Protein backbone atom coordinates (compact mmCIF):
# COMPACT_ATOMS: atom_id res chain seq x y z
CA MET A 1 -4.78 -13.88 31.27
CA ALA A 2 -1.89 -15.32 31.82
CA ASN A 3 -3.38 -19.20 30.97
CA SER A 4 -5.24 -17.83 27.37
CA ILE A 5 -4.96 -20.24 24.85
CA PHE A 6 -4.66 -18.68 20.97
CA ASN A 7 -5.38 -20.49 18.19
CA ILE A 8 -3.03 -18.85 16.02
CA SER A 9 -4.92 -20.37 12.67
CA ASP A 10 -8.04 -19.15 13.79
CA ILE A 11 -6.54 -15.56 13.78
CA PHE A 12 -5.28 -15.72 11.13
CA ARG A 13 -8.23 -16.91 9.31
CA GLN A 14 -10.58 -14.27 10.72
CA THR A 15 -8.28 -11.78 9.74
CA PHE A 16 -7.08 -12.90 5.94
CA GLY A 17 -9.55 -15.22 5.28
CA TYR A 18 -7.91 -18.13 5.03
CA GLU A 19 -6.02 -20.64 6.61
CA ALA A 20 -2.69 -20.50 8.25
CA PRO A 21 -0.45 -24.04 8.16
CA PRO A 22 -0.02 -25.45 10.18
CA ALA A 23 -2.70 -25.26 12.98
CA PHE A 24 -0.97 -24.85 16.28
CA THR A 25 -1.94 -22.87 19.72
CA ILE A 26 0.16 -20.77 22.18
CA GLU A 27 -0.69 -22.32 25.95
CA ASN A 28 0.23 -20.61 28.96
CA ALA A 29 0.83 -17.26 27.58
CA ILE A 30 3.70 -15.29 29.09
CA PRO A 31 2.70 -12.33 31.26
CA ARG A 32 1.14 -9.33 29.90
CA ARG A 33 2.94 -6.18 29.38
CA GLU A 34 1.25 -2.97 30.91
CA ARG A 35 2.59 -0.56 28.23
CA GLY A 36 4.61 -0.80 24.95
CA ASP A 37 7.70 0.35 24.51
CA PHE A 38 7.01 4.45 23.74
CA GLY A 39 4.80 4.45 27.26
CA ALA A 40 1.28 3.71 25.60
CA LYS A 41 -0.76 1.59 27.27
CA PHE A 42 -2.04 -2.36 25.89
CA TYR A 43 -4.84 -2.20 27.99
CA GLY A 44 -7.81 0.36 28.99
CA ASN A 45 -11.00 0.52 30.38
CA ASP A 46 -14.15 1.76 28.76
CA LEU A 47 -16.64 4.27 30.73
CA LEU A 48 -18.36 0.86 32.22
CA GLY A 49 -14.77 -0.55 33.27
CA ARG A 50 -14.96 -3.14 30.83
CA GLU A 51 -11.12 -4.15 29.58
CA HIS A 52 -9.96 -3.97 26.60
CA PHE A 53 -6.81 -5.00 24.64
CA MET A 54 -4.87 -1.69 22.66
CA PRO A 55 -7.18 1.60 23.70
CA VAL A 56 -7.13 3.82 20.67
CA ILE A 57 -7.04 7.54 21.99
CA LEU A 58 -7.99 10.37 19.57
CA ASN A 59 -7.60 14.14 20.98
CA GLY A 60 -7.90 12.93 24.51
CA TYR A 61 -11.16 10.86 23.55
CA LEU A 62 -11.03 7.10 24.55
CA ILE A 63 -12.67 5.53 20.84
CA PRO A 64 -15.07 3.03 21.79
CA PHE A 65 -14.34 -0.50 20.81
CA ALA A 66 -11.54 0.62 18.10
CA VAL A 67 -9.89 -2.03 15.64
CA MET A 68 -7.04 -0.14 14.11
CA GLY A 69 -5.33 -0.58 10.39
CA ILE A 70 -2.22 1.10 9.23
CA THR A 71 -0.83 1.37 5.65
CA CYS A 72 2.46 2.19 4.75
CA ARG A 73 3.70 3.09 1.81
CA LYS A 74 6.43 3.71 -0.11
CA ASN A 75 6.69 6.40 -3.36
CA ILE A 76 8.97 4.70 -5.95
CA VAL A 77 9.87 6.74 -8.99
CA SER A 78 10.32 3.05 -12.03
CA THR A 79 12.46 4.09 -14.93
CA GLN A 80 12.12 2.01 -17.92
CA MET A 81 15.60 1.11 -19.62
CA ALA A 82 16.11 1.00 -23.61
CA GLU A 83 17.39 -2.65 -24.31
CA ARG A 84 17.12 -4.00 -20.92
CA LYS A 85 15.20 -6.66 -18.58
CA GLY A 86 13.15 -4.69 -16.47
CA SER A 87 13.57 -1.16 -14.90
CA VAL A 88 15.66 0.86 -12.53
CA HIS A 89 13.99 2.26 -9.21
CA GLU A 90 14.38 5.05 -6.99
CA ILE A 91 12.39 5.02 -3.60
CA ILE A 92 11.32 8.75 -2.87
CA ASN A 93 10.56 8.58 0.20
CA ILE A 94 7.85 6.96 2.97
CA ASP A 95 4.68 8.44 1.86
CA ASP A 96 2.21 9.65 4.76
CA TYR A 97 0.75 6.55 7.26
CA MET A 98 -3.07 5.87 6.54
CA ILE A 99 -4.13 4.98 9.67
CA ASN A 100 -8.20 3.62 9.74
CA ILE A 101 -9.91 3.21 13.17
CA LYS A 102 -13.68 1.33 12.97
CA GLY A 103 -15.47 1.34 16.37
CA ILE A 104 -19.20 0.99 17.48
CA LEU A 105 -20.84 3.46 19.10
CA VAL A 106 -23.37 1.96 21.96
CA SER A 107 -26.09 3.62 24.26
CA ASP A 108 -26.70 1.71 27.26
CA ASP A 109 -30.10 3.51 27.74
CA GLN A 110 -31.60 1.82 24.42
CA GLU A 111 -31.47 5.52 23.01
CA PHE A 112 -29.48 6.85 19.83
CA PRO A 113 -25.77 7.45 20.65
CA GLU A 114 -26.40 10.82 19.60
CA GLY A 115 -23.98 12.44 22.34
CA GLU A 116 -20.94 9.78 21.30
CA MET A 117 -21.62 10.83 17.68
CA LYS A 118 -21.53 14.79 18.14
CA LEU A 119 -18.34 13.80 19.96
CA LEU A 120 -16.81 12.36 16.67
CA LEU A 121 -18.50 15.02 14.49
CA ASP A 122 -16.61 17.44 16.70
CA MET A 123 -13.53 15.81 16.29
CA PHE A 124 -14.02 15.69 12.56
CA GLU A 125 -14.73 19.65 12.33
CA ILE A 126 -11.20 20.50 13.43
CA ASN A 127 -9.13 21.99 11.12
CA ARG A 128 -5.93 20.99 12.33
CA SER A 129 -3.89 17.85 13.42
CA LEU A 130 -5.40 15.85 16.30
CA VAL A 131 -3.32 13.90 18.90
CA ILE A 132 -3.66 10.12 18.89
CA LYS A 133 -2.46 7.72 21.41
CA SER A 134 -1.99 3.72 20.91
CA VAL A 135 0.60 1.34 20.77
CA LYS A 136 0.38 0.38 17.44
CA THR A 137 0.44 4.52 16.22
CA ASP A 138 3.82 4.98 18.71
CA LEU A 139 5.29 2.30 16.67
CA PHE A 140 5.01 4.12 13.23
CA LEU A 141 4.61 7.76 14.14
CA LYS A 142 7.56 7.80 16.54
CA GLY A 143 6.34 10.22 19.01
CA ASP A 144 5.31 12.65 16.73
CA ASP A 145 1.95 12.07 16.65
CA LYS A 146 0.00 14.18 15.28
CA VAL A 147 -3.05 13.04 12.34
CA LEU A 148 -5.57 14.86 10.31
CA ILE A 149 -8.95 13.13 9.91
CA LYS A 150 -9.29 12.32 5.68
CA ASP A 151 -12.97 11.15 6.24
CA MET A 152 -15.30 9.74 8.69
CA PRO A 153 -17.99 7.20 6.93
CA MET A 154 -20.72 6.09 9.33
CA PRO A 155 -22.41 2.74 7.60
CA PRO A 156 -26.07 2.17 8.09
CA SER A 157 -26.50 0.20 11.91
CA PRO A 158 -29.54 -1.98 10.61
CA GLY A 159 -31.69 -4.08 13.76
CA SER A 160 -30.64 -1.52 16.88
CA HIS A 161 -31.08 2.18 17.25
CA ASN A 162 -29.11 2.15 20.15
CA VAL A 163 -25.63 1.12 17.97
CA GLN A 164 -23.71 3.40 15.31
CA THR A 165 -21.05 1.79 13.52
CA PHE A 166 -18.18 4.12 12.19
CA GLU A 167 -14.77 4.46 10.36
CA ILE A 168 -12.49 7.13 11.09
CA ASN A 169 -9.53 7.80 7.88
CA LEU A 170 -6.57 9.33 9.23
CA VAL A 171 -3.36 10.54 7.74
CA SER A 172 -0.26 11.24 9.77
CA ASP A 173 0.86 14.93 9.84
CA LEU A 174 4.49 14.98 10.47
CA VAL A 175 6.16 18.56 11.45
CA TYR A 176 9.17 19.31 9.65
CA THR A 177 11.33 21.63 9.87
CA LEU A 178 13.02 23.07 6.86
CA THR A 179 16.75 25.04 7.18
CA LEU A 180 17.36 27.91 4.20
């Protein structure tokens, strides 16, 4: 991994859909870190021992072939001013973090991944906070790793009977202490 070449323009194009000027690469990347600042692992192994980057663990279950995005939003109240240009903005708070996980369930025995789907369904049916562990969520949730599953689409996976794609949409469930 230390001698990998990264084409930043290709990564930018694949992620955002257009070329990042200028085209450049990073050669001889620095040695990799094994853990993030808050302790989560940068690398993990799946059940077959294959290494992957930035594992996502939800309630102790390693989400297979996961990619994760986080949406941050602020609640801002804008008030129009009479006879003035623009408006006055009041930042109320930072909204809950919206977390989207996409993944693929794969059965190596050419059968439908029924057992893996049942594990996801069981997590969905839990009506309380779940614990999420990932380098990315550690940065945003700052040790308060509680989330709730909002929805879990299971899009069709045509052409293969041993693969099921899935999506999990979560919302942060920060714990607040009210003082009277």
